[in-house]
């Protein structure tokens, strides 16, 4: 406990986005190193002895013996392209959500999206096993889909510049990614994973409503967004309006620093 208390002030210097990406990256590297050691030493099968113990099993009987997997699976990626794609999207869109809602809510939605994705994956595996072909679920995709969907609901018209195409509103990019994912899932390849992504989308769609209800219970205006004082709220609204009109890239270095400082003060 003392070690955790000493570590906490250090962690507060980093944003929730940085912490989540770092955890995913460290676990990926550790898993890769373990796999290499297994291959060199001729140890038992890596997938059976290590990977399956941190992935989420579709079989509820296995889940009873591995109750930690609904948490560990959402930070576990073994395929390089899997983690690169997830973390790029997460970093790109996660910044917008973190600066508008704060690090704590970003981390909370990441976990919530992962839990809902896990519940959908297990539920479909039990109730309609023919729809899911995967025995195990792994990766942060459900959490990333939750972040994407929530951000698209909060700032749908925020322009995003895409090379060779031009500016596109954020909502159309997110809708396109969701539709593409559904099309990929329809061919049966990794159907279980794509089903879990639907759970992440559902969690992200519910998030803005949950925030409004939470703010209402605390008698806060939705524009305040949990800031420490009225001045922070006004500055945050001005910067977020600029993001909606011109995109995050239009912010000056001073505005980005101010946005980061305000987000760290959000409760």
C-alpha atoms as a PDB file:
ATOM      1  CA  UNK A   1       0.000   0.000   0.000  1.00  0.00           C
ATOM      2  CA  UNK A   2       2.846   2.392   0.800  1.00  0.00           C
ATOM      3  CA  UNK A   3       4.330   1.771  -2.651  1.00  0.00           C
ATOM      4  CA  UNK A   4       0.997   2.590  -4.272  1.00  0.00           C
ATOM      5  CA  UNK A   5       0.688   5.785  -2.244  1.00  0.00           C
ATOM      6  CA  UNK A   6       4.178   6.866  -3.349  1.00  0.00           C
ATOM      7  CA  UNK A   7       3.375   6.020  -6.972  1.00  0.00           C
ATOM      8  CA  UNK A   8       0.048   7.894  -7.076  1.00  0.00           C
ATOM      9  CA  UNK A   9       1.513  11.456  -7.185  1.00  0.00           C
ATOM     10  CA  UNK A  10       3.716  10.390 -10.089  1.00  0.00           C
ATOM     11  CA  UNK A  11       0.772   8.943 -12.016  1.00  0.00           C
ATOM     12  CA  UNK A  12      -1.191  12.164 -11.569  1.00  0.00           C
ATOM     13  CA  UNK A  13       1.345  13.902 -13.810  1.00  0.00           C
ATOM     14  CA  UNK A  14       0.160  11.776 -16.746  1.00  0.00           C
ATOM     15  CA  UNK A  15      -3.194  11.980 -18.490  1.00  0.00           C
ATOM     16  CA  UNK A  16      -5.617   9.066 -18.463  1.00  0.00           C
ATOM     17  CA  UNK A  17      -5.023   8.665 -22.192  1.00  0.00           C
ATOM     18  CA  UNK A  18      -1.266   8.332 -21.695  1.00  0.00           C
ATOM     19  CA  UNK A  19      -1.698   5.817 -18.871  1.00  0.00           C
ATOM     20  CA  UNK A  20      -4.114   3.602 -20.823  1.00  0.00           C
ATOM     21  CA  UNK A  21      -1.976   3.579 -23.974  1.00  0.00           C
ATOM     22  CA  UNK A  22       1.151   2.856 -21.917  1.00  0.00           C
ATOM     23  CA  UNK A  23      -0.506  -0.077 -20.131  1.00  0.00           C
ATOM     24  CA  UNK A  24      -1.594  -1.571 -23.466  1.00  0.00           C
ATOM     25  CA  UNK A  25       1.876  -1.100 -24.934  1.00  0.00           C
ATOM     26  CA  UNK A  26       3.715  -2.575 -21.932  1.00  0.00           C
ATOM     27  CA  UNK A  27       1.464  -5.658 -21.831  1.00  0.00           C
ATOM     28  CA  UNK A  28       1.939  -6.167 -25.584  1.00  0.00           C
ATOM     29  CA  UNK A  29       5.736  -6.016 -25.228  1.00  0.00           C
ATOM     30  CA  UNK A  30       5.730  -8.338 -22.197  1.00  0.00           C
ATOM     31  CA  UNK A  31       3.571 -10.902 -24.010  1.00  0.00           C
ATOM     32  CA  UNK A  32       5.861 -10.787 -27.042  1.00  0.00           C
ATOM     33  CA  UNK A  33       8.950 -11.268 -24.895  1.00  0.00           C
ATOM     34  CA  UNK A  34       7.369 -14.209 -23.064  1.00  0.00           C
ATOM     35  CA  UNK A  35       6.441 -15.801 -26.396  1.00  0.00           C
ATOM     36  CA  UNK A  36      10.057 -15.454 -27.598  1.00  0.00           C
ATOM     37  CA  UNK A  37      11.366 -17.024 -24.373  1.00  0.00           C
ATOM     38  CA  UNK A  38       8.915 -19.905 -24.756  1.00  0.00           C
ATOM     39  CA  UNK A  39      10.090 -20.527 -28.313  1.00  0.00           C
ATOM     40  CA  UNK A  40      13.770 -20.422 -27.368  1.00  0.00           C
ATOM     41  CA  UNK A  41      13.480 -22.641 -24.303  1.00  0.00           C
ATOM     42  CA  UNK A  42      11.004 -25.105 -25.793  1.00  0.00           C
ATOM     43  CA  UNK A  43       8.515 -24.412 -22.981  1.00  0.00           C
ATOM     44  CA  UNK A  44       4.876 -25.560 -23.215  1.00  0.00           C
ATOM     45  CA  UNK A  45       2.548 -23.903 -25.703  1.00  0.00           C
ATOM     46  CA  UNK A  46       2.458 -20.134 -25.043  1.00  0.00           C
ATOM     47  CA  UNK A  47      -1.137 -19.670 -26.150  1.00  0.00           C
ATOM     48  CA  UNK A  48      -2.524 -22.340 -23.841  1.00  0.00           C
ATOM     49  CA  UNK A  49      -0.358 -21.650 -20.815  1.00  0.00           C
ATOM     50  CA  UNK A  50      -0.245 -17.826 -20.880  1.00  0.00           C
ATOM     51  CA  UNK A  51      -2.445 -16.069 -23.426  1.00  0.00           C
ATOM     52  CA  UNK A  52      -5.681 -17.955 -22.711  1.00  0.00           C
ATOM     53  CA  UNK A  53      -5.306 -17.158 -19.021  1.00  0.00           C
ATOM     54  CA  UNK A  54      -5.687 -13.416 -19.611  1.00  0.00           C
ATOM     55  CA  UNK A  55      -8.097 -13.514 -22.576  1.00  0.00           C
ATOM     56  CA  UNK A  56     -11.857 -13.570 -21.964  1.00  0.00           C
ATOM     57  CA  UNK A  57     -13.286 -17.075 -22.512  1.00  0.00           C
ATOM     58  CA  UNK A  58     -16.682 -17.540 -24.146  1.00  0.00           C
ATOM     59  CA  UNK A  59     -17.255 -20.583 -21.929  1.00  0.00           C
ATOM     60  CA  UNK A  60     -18.835 -19.448 -18.643  1.00  0.00           C
ATOM     61  CA  UNK A  61     -17.345 -22.467 -16.868  1.00  0.00           C
ATOM     62  CA  UNK A  62     -13.845 -21.266 -17.690  1.00  0.00           C
ATOM     63  CA  UNK A  63     -14.810 -17.754 -16.662  1.00  0.00           C
ATOM     64  CA  UNK A  64     -15.611 -18.988 -13.150  1.00  0.00           C
ATOM     65  CA  UNK A  65     -12.005 -20.128 -12.803  1.00  0.00           C
ATOM     66  CA  UNK A  66     -10.610 -16.957 -14.420  1.00  0.00           C
ATOM     67  CA  UNK A  67     -12.685 -14.082 -12.951  1.00  0.00           C
ATOM     68  CA  UNK A  68      -9.956 -11.545 -13.723  1.00  0.00           C
ATOM     69  CA  UNK A  69     -10.274 -11.958 -17.508  1.00  0.00           C
ATOM     70  CA  UNK A  70     -13.120  -9.398 -18.007  1.00  0.00           C
ATOM     71  CA  UNK A  71     -10.507  -6.803 -16.998  1.00  0.00           C
ATOM     72  CA  UNK A  72      -7.283  -8.227 -18.391  1.00  0.00           C
ATOM     73  CA  UNK A  73      -8.641  -8.981 -21.868  1.00  0.00           C
ATOM     74  CA  UNK A  74      -9.249  -5.288 -22.663  1.00  0.00           C
ATOM     75  CA  UNK A  75      -5.541  -4.500 -22.171  1.00  0.00           C
ATOM     76  CA  UNK A  76      -4.231  -7.615 -23.904  1.00  0.00           C
ATOM     77  CA  UNK A  77      -3.150  -7.560 -27.565  1.00  0.00           C
ATOM     78  CA  UNK A  78      -0.709  -9.971 -29.129  1.00  0.00           C
ATOM     79  CA  UNK A  79      -1.012  -9.046 -32.815  1.00  0.00           C
ATOM     80  CA  UNK A  80       1.082  -6.014 -33.795  1.00  0.00           C
ATOM     81  CA  UNK A  81      -1.422  -4.584 -36.276  1.00  0.00           C
ATOM     82  CA  UNK A  82      -4.195  -5.023 -33.726  1.00  0.00           C
ATOM     83  CA  UNK A  83      -2.554  -2.839 -31.103  1.00  0.00           C
ATOM     84  CA  UNK A  84      -1.186  -0.273 -33.574  1.00  0.00           C
ATOM     85  CA  UNK A  85      -4.596   0.329 -35.149  1.00  0.00           C
ATOM     86  CA  UNK A  86      -6.419   0.430 -31.815  1.00  0.00           C
ATOM     87  CA  UNK A  87      -3.955   2.780 -30.150  1.00  0.00           C
ATOM     88  CA  UNK A  88      -3.773   5.171 -33.118  1.00  0.00           C
ATOM     89  CA  UNK A  89      -7.551   5.565 -33.181  1.00  0.00           C
ATOM     90  CA  UNK A  90      -7.656   5.760 -29.396  1.00  0.00           C
ATOM     91  CA  UNK A  91      -4.979   8.476 -29.268  1.00  0.00           C
ATOM     92  CA  UNK A  92      -6.546  10.484 -32.081  1.00  0.00           C
ATOM     93  CA  UNK A  93     -10.147  10.489 -30.807  1.00  0.00           C
ATOM     94  CA  UNK A  94      -9.370   9.971 -27.118  1.00  0.00           C
ATOM     95  CA  UNK A  95      -7.758  13.416 -26.938  1.00  0.00           C
ATOM     96  CA  UNK A  96     -11.050  15.075 -27.871  1.00  0.00           C
ATOM     97  CA  UNK A  97     -13.032  13.168 -25.258  1.00  0.00           C
ATOM     98  CA  UNK A  98     -10.417  13.660 -22.562  1.00  0.00           C
ATOM     99  CA  UNK A  99     -10.233  17.417 -23.101  1.00  0.00           C
ATOM    100  CA  UNK A 100     -14.026  17.758 -23.091  1.00  0.00           C
ATOM    101  CA  UNK A 101     -14.813  15.367 -20.228  1.00  0.00           C
ATOM    102  CA  UNK A 102     -11.563  14.820 -18.321  1.00  0.00           C
ATOM    103  CA  UNK A 103      -9.124  11.970 -17.728  1.00  0.00           C
ATOM    104  CA  UNK A 104     -11.229  10.201 -15.100  1.00  0.00           C
ATOM    105  CA  UNK A 105     -14.260   9.935 -17.338  1.00  0.00           C
ATOM    106  CA  UNK A 106     -12.110   8.820 -20.265  1.00  0.00           C
ATOM    107  CA  UNK A 107     -10.684   5.997 -18.148  1.00  0.00           C
ATOM    108  CA  UNK A 108     -14.125   5.163 -16.781  1.00  0.00           C
ATOM    109  CA  UNK A 109     -15.635   4.902 -20.256  1.00  0.00           C
ATOM    110  CA  UNK A 110     -12.696   2.787 -21.438  1.00  0.00           C
ATOM    111  CA  UNK A 111     -13.429   0.271 -18.666  1.00  0.00           C
ATOM    112  CA  UNK A 112     -17.186   0.495 -19.152  1.00  0.00           C
ATOM    113  CA  UNK A 113     -16.880  -0.134 -22.892  1.00  0.00           C
ATOM    114  CA  UNK A 114     -14.677  -3.142 -22.207  1.00  0.00           C
ATOM    115  CA  UNK A 115     -17.105  -4.576 -19.641  1.00  0.00           C
ATOM    116  CA  UNK A 116     -20.157  -4.109 -21.881  1.00  0.00           C
ATOM    117  CA  UNK A 117     -18.277  -5.657 -24.809  1.00  0.00           C
ATOM    118  CA  UNK A 118     -17.376  -8.631 -22.606  1.00  0.00           C
ATOM    119  CA  UNK A 119     -20.991  -9.018 -21.465  1.00  0.00           C
ATOM    120  CA  UNK A 120     -22.279  -8.964 -25.053  1.00  0.00           C
ATOM    121  CA  UNK A 121     -19.617 -11.461 -26.157  1.00  0.00           C
ATOM    122  CA  UNK A 122     -20.454 -13.910 -23.366  1.00  0.00           C
ATOM    123  CA  UNK A 123     -24.209 -13.353 -23.698  1.00  0.00           C
ATOM    124  CA  UNK A 124     -24.216 -14.111 -27.422  1.00  0.00           C
ATOM    125  CA  UNK A 125     -21.929 -17.122 -26.880  1.00  0.00           C
ATOM    126  CA  UNK A 126     -24.434 -18.551 -24.373  1.00  0.00           C
ATOM    127  CA  UNK A 127     -27.751 -17.554 -25.973  1.00  0.00           C
ATOM    128  CA  UNK A 128     -26.831 -17.764 -29.669  1.00  0.00           C
ATOM    129  CA  UNK A 129     -23.599 -19.743 -29.999  1.00  0.00           C
ATOM    130  CA  UNK A 130     -24.000 -19.988 -33.766  1.00  0.00           C
ATOM    131  CA  UNK A 131     -23.421 -16.236 -34.131  1.00  0.00           C
ATOM    132  CA  UNK A 132     -20.049 -16.230 -32.389  1.00  0.00           C
ATOM    133  CA  UNK A 133     -17.122 -18.211 -33.735  1.00  0.00           C
ATOM    134  CA  UNK A 134     -14.524 -17.135 -31.187  1.00  0.00           C
ATOM    135  CA  UNK A 135     -13.603 -19.125 -28.105  1.00  0.00           C
ATOM    136  CA  UNK A 136     -11.683 -16.213 -26.599  1.00  0.00           C
ATOM    137  CA  UNK A 137     -11.932 -12.428 -26.751  1.00  0.00           C
ATOM    138  CA  UNK A 138      -8.878 -10.209 -26.565  1.00  0.00           C
ATOM    139  CA  UNK A 139      -7.986  -6.595 -27.257  1.00  0.00           C
ATOM    140  CA  UNK A 140      -9.093  -3.059 -26.500  1.00  0.00           C
ATOM    141  CA  UNK A 141     -11.394  -2.700 -29.516  1.00  0.00           C
ATOM    142  CA  UNK A 142     -14.666  -2.640 -27.537  1.00  0.00           C
ATOM    143  CA  UNK A 143     -13.249   0.111 -25.313  1.00  0.00           C
ATOM    144  CA  UNK A 144     -11.985   2.083 -28.317  1.00  0.00           C
ATOM    145  CA  UNK A 145     -15.380   1.806 -30.027  1.00  0.00           C
ATOM    146  CA  UNK A 146     -16.987   3.175 -26.867  1.00  0.00           C
ATOM    147  CA  UNK A 147     -14.609   6.173 -26.911  1.00  0.00           C
ATOM    148  CA  UNK A 148     -15.231   6.754 -30.634  1.00  0.00           C
ATOM    149  CA  UNK A 149     -19.015   6.621 -30.319  1.00  0.00           C
ATOM    150  CA  UNK A 150     -19.193   8.859 -27.245  1.00  0.00           C
ATOM    151  CA  UNK A 151     -16.968  11.481 -28.882  1.00  0.00           C
ATOM    152  CA  UNK A 152     -19.077  11.432 -32.047  1.00  0.00           C
ATOM    153  CA  UNK A 153     -22.194  12.091 -29.960  1.00  0.00           C
ATOM    154  CA  UNK A 154     -20.574  14.924 -27.981  1.00  0.00           C
ATOM    155  CA  UNK A 155     -18.944  16.793 -30.898  1.00  0.00           C
ATOM    156  CA  UNK A 156     -20.433  15.292 -34.080  1.00  0.00           C
ATOM    157  CA  UNK A 157     -19.595  18.203 -36.393  1.00  0.00           C
ATOM    158  CA  UNK A 158     -15.944  18.536 -35.383  1.00  0.00           C
ATOM    159  CA  UNK A 159     -14.007  18.648 -38.677  1.00  0.00           C
ATOM    160  CA  UNK A 160     -11.208  16.190 -39.247  1.00  0.00           C
ATOM    161  CA  UNK A 161      -8.713  16.609 -42.088  1.00  0.00           C
ATOM    162  CA  UNK A 162      -7.915  13.438 -44.042  1.00  0.00           C
ATOM    163  CA  UNK A 163      -5.135  13.572 -46.681  1.00  0.00           C
ATOM    164  CA  UNK A 164      -6.345  13.321 -50.306  1.00  0.00           C
ATOM    165  CA  UNK A 165      -9.949  13.639 -49.122  1.00  0.00           C
ATOM    166  CA  UNK A 166     -10.192  16.857 -47.135  1.00  0.00           C
ATOM    167  CA  UNK A 167     -12.270  17.764 -44.101  1.00  0.00           C
ATOM    168  CA  UNK A 168     -14.945  15.345 -42.905  1.00  0.00           C
ATOM    169  CA  UNK A 169     -17.139  15.704 -39.862  1.00  0.00           C
ATOM    170  CA  UNK A 170     -16.167  13.374 -37.033  1.00  0.00           C
ATOM    171  CA  UNK A 171     -19.575  11.686 -36.914  1.00  0.00           C
ATOM    172  CA  UNK A 172     -19.269  10.446 -40.507  1.00  0.00           C
ATOM    173  CA  UNK A 173     -15.819   9.004 -39.850  1.00  0.00           C
ATOM    174  CA  UNK A 174     -17.058   7.130 -36.772  1.00  0.00           C
ATOM    175  CA  UNK A 175     -20.181   5.892 -38.587  1.00  0.00           C
ATOM    176  CA  UNK A 176     -17.980   4.705 -41.442  1.00  0.00           C
ATOM    177  CA  UNK A 177     -15.695   2.783 -39.074  1.00  0.00           C
ATOM    178  CA  UNK A 178     -18.672   1.158 -37.355  1.00  0.00           C
ATOM    179  CA  UNK A 179     -20.272   0.137 -40.676  1.00  0.00           C
ATOM    180  CA  UNK A 180     -16.932  -1.200 -41.933  1.00  0.00           C
ATOM    181  CA  UNK A 181     -16.545  -3.240 -38.752  1.00  0.00           C
ATOM    182  CA  UNK A 182     -20.055  -4.670 -39.128  1.00  0.00           C
ATOM    183  CA  UNK A 183     -19.293  -5.646 -42.736  1.00  0.00           C
ATOM    184  CA  UNK A 184     -16.078  -7.372 -41.676  1.00  0.00           C
ATOM    185  CA  UNK A 185     -17.952  -9.191 -38.921  1.00  0.00           C
ATOM    186  CA  UNK A 186     -20.641 -10.390 -41.332  1.00  0.00           C
ATOM    187  CA  UNK A 187     -18.174 -12.682 -43.141  1.00  0.00           C
ATOM    188  CA  UNK A 188     -17.739 -14.770 -39.987  1.00  0.00           C
ATOM    189  CA  UNK A 189     -14.050 -14.014 -39.446  1.00  0.00           C
ATOM    190  CA  UNK A 190     -13.526 -13.106 -35.787  1.00  0.00           C
ATOM    191  CA  UNK A 191     -17.298 -12.781 -35.407  1.00  0.00           C
ATOM    192  CA  UNK A 192     -17.032 -12.906 -31.611  1.00  0.00           C
ATOM    193  CA  UNK A 193     -14.740  -9.882 -31.557  1.00  0.00           C
ATOM    194  CA  UNK A 194     -17.001  -7.850 -33.826  1.00  0.00           C
ATOM    195  CA  UNK A 195     -20.002  -8.726 -31.651  1.00  0.00           C
ATOM    196  CA  UNK A 196     -18.121  -7.326 -28.654  1.00  0.00           C
ATOM    197  CA  UNK A 197     -17.517  -4.115 -30.614  1.00  0.00           C
ATOM    198  CA  UNK A 198     -21.302  -3.620 -30.743  1.00  0.00           C
ATOM    199  CA  UNK A 199     -21.281  -3.628 -26.952  1.00  0.00           C
ATOM    200  CA  UNK A 200     -18.638  -0.907 -27.011  1.00  0.00           C
ATOM    201  CA  UNK A 201     -20.737   1.179 -29.411  1.00  0.00           C
ATOM    202  CA  UNK A 202     -23.747   0.794 -27.090  1.00  0.00           C
ATOM    203  CA  UNK A 203     -21.710   1.926 -24.079  1.00  0.00           C
ATOM    204  CA  UNK A 204     -20.447   4.954 -25.990  1.00  0.00           C
ATOM    205  CA  UNK A 205     -23.972   5.900 -27.117  1.00  0.00           C
ATOM    206  CA  UNK A 206     -25.270   5.762 -23.536  1.00  0.00           C
ATOM    207  CA  UNK A 207     -22.362   7.769 -22.132  1.00  0.00           C
ATOM    208  CA  UNK A 208     -23.565  11.306 -23.078  1.00  0.00           C
ATOM    209  CA  UNK A 209     -26.973  10.612 -21.507  1.00  0.00           C
ATOM    210  CA  UNK A 210     -25.332   9.270 -18.352  1.00  0.00           C
ATOM    211  CA  UNK A 211     -23.164  12.388 -18.089  1.00  0.00           C
ATOM    212  CA  UNK A 212     -26.205  14.663 -18.378  1.00  0.00           C
ATOM    213  CA  UNK A 213     -28.029  12.720 -15.679  1.00  0.00           C
ATOM    214  CA  UNK A 214     -24.957  12.817 -13.439  1.00  0.00           C
ATOM    215  CA  UNK A 215     -24.524  16.555 -13.926  1.00  0.00           C
ATOM    216  CA  UNK A 216     -28.209  17.071 -13.227  1.00  0.00           C
ATOM    217  CA  UNK A 217     -27.982  15.244  -9.913  1.00  0.00           C
ATOM    218  CA  UNK A 218     -25.153  17.531  -8.870  1.00  0.00           C
ATOM    219  CA  UNK A 219     -27.056  20.624 -10.100  1.00  0.00           C
ATOM    220  CA  UNK A 220     -24.330  21.512 -12.588  1.00  0.00           C
ATOM    221  CA  UNK A 221     -24.856  23.046 -15.981  1.00  0.00           C
ATOM    222  CA  UNK A 222     -23.922  20.734 -18.859  1.00  0.00           C
ATOM    223  CA  UNK A 223     -21.591  23.454 -20.129  1.00  0.00           C
ATOM    224  CA  UNK A 224     -19.557  23.471 -16.950  1.00  0.00           C
ATOM    225  CA  UNK A 225     -18.384  19.916 -17.648  1.00  0.00           C
ATOM    226  CA  UNK A 226     -17.194  19.451 -14.097  1.00  0.00           C
ATOM    227  CA  UNK A 227     -14.609  22.241 -14.125  1.00  0.00           C
ATOM    228  CA  UNK A 228     -13.241  23.661 -10.896  1.00  0.00           C
ATOM    229  CA  UNK A 229     -14.721  27.159 -11.396  1.00  0.00           C
ATOM    230  CA  UNK A 230     -16.723  29.373 -13.763  1.00  0.00           C
ATOM    231  CA  UNK A 231     -13.600  30.775 -15.395  1.00  0.00           C
ATOM    232  CA  UNK A 232     -12.417  27.302 -16.355  1.00  0.00           C
ATOM    233  CA  UNK A 233     -15.885  26.498 -17.692  1.00  0.00           C
ATOM    234  CA  UNK A 234     -15.950  29.583 -19.901  1.00  0.00           C
ATOM    235  CA  UNK A 235     -12.453  28.970 -21.241  1.00  0.00           C
ATOM    236  CA  UNK A 236     -13.265  25.322 -21.897  1.00  0.00           C
ATOM    237  CA  UNK A 237     -16.439  26.225 -23.810  1.00  0.00           C
ATOM    238  CA  UNK A 238     -14.506  28.666 -26.007  1.00  0.00           C
ATOM    239  CA  UNK A 239     -11.819  26.104 -26.838  1.00  0.00           C
ATOM    240  CA  UNK A 240     -14.327  23.292 -27.462  1.00  0.00           C
ATOM    241  CA  UNK A 241     -16.333  25.557 -29.777  1.00  0.00           C
ATOM    242  CA  UNK A 242     -13.135  26.203 -31.743  1.00  0.00           C
ATOM    243  CA  UNK A 243     -12.502  22.434 -31.949  1.00  0.00           C
ATOM    244  CA  UNK A 244     -16.032  21.878 -33.242  1.00  0.00           C
ATOM    245  CA  UNK A 245     -15.597  24.574 -35.901  1.00  0.00           C
ATOM    246  CA  UNK A 246     -12.022  23.963 -37.029  1.00  0.00           C
ATOM    247  CA  UNK A 247     -10.808  20.724 -35.436  1.00  0.00           C
ATOM    248  CA  UNK A 248      -8.236  19.989 -32.742  1.00  0.00           C
ATOM    249  CA  UNK A 249      -5.326  20.770 -35.079  1.00  0.00           C
ATOM    250  CA  UNK A 250      -6.424  24.429 -35.230  1.00  0.00           C
ATOM    251  CA  UNK A 251      -5.582  25.018 -31.548  1.00  0.00           C
ATOM    252  CA  UNK A 252      -2.446  26.943 -30.682  1.00  0.00           C
ATOM    253  CA  UNK A 253       0.132  25.427 -28.347  1.00  0.00           C
ATOM    254  CA  UNK A 254      -1.114  27.744 -25.587  1.00  0.00           C
ATOM    255  CA  UNK A 255      -4.712  26.646 -26.077  1.00  0.00           C
ATOM    256  CA  UNK A 256      -3.702  22.985 -26.015  1.00  0.00           C
ATOM    257  CA  UNK A 257      -1.821  23.492 -22.759  1.00  0.00           C
ATOM    258  CA  UNK A 258      -4.764  25.367 -21.259  1.00  0.00           C
ATOM    259  CA  UNK A 259      -7.115  22.583 -22.362  1.00  0.00           C
ATOM    260  CA  UNK A 260      -4.871  19.952 -20.796  1.00  0.00           C
ATOM    261  CA  UNK A 261      -4.609  21.904 -17.521  1.00  0.00           C
ATOM    262  CA  UNK A 262      -8.380  22.357 -17.305  1.00  0.00           C
ATOM    263  CA  UNK A 263      -9.055  18.697 -18.042  1.00  0.00           C
ATOM    264  CA  UNK A 264      -6.756  17.697 -15.154  1.00  0.00           C
ATOM    265  CA  UNK A 265      -8.855  19.816 -12.797  1.00  0.00           C
ATOM    266  CA  UNK A 266     -12.148  18.210 -13.819  1.00  0.00           C
ATOM    267  CA  UNK A 267     -13.593  16.134 -11.001  1.00  0.00           C
END
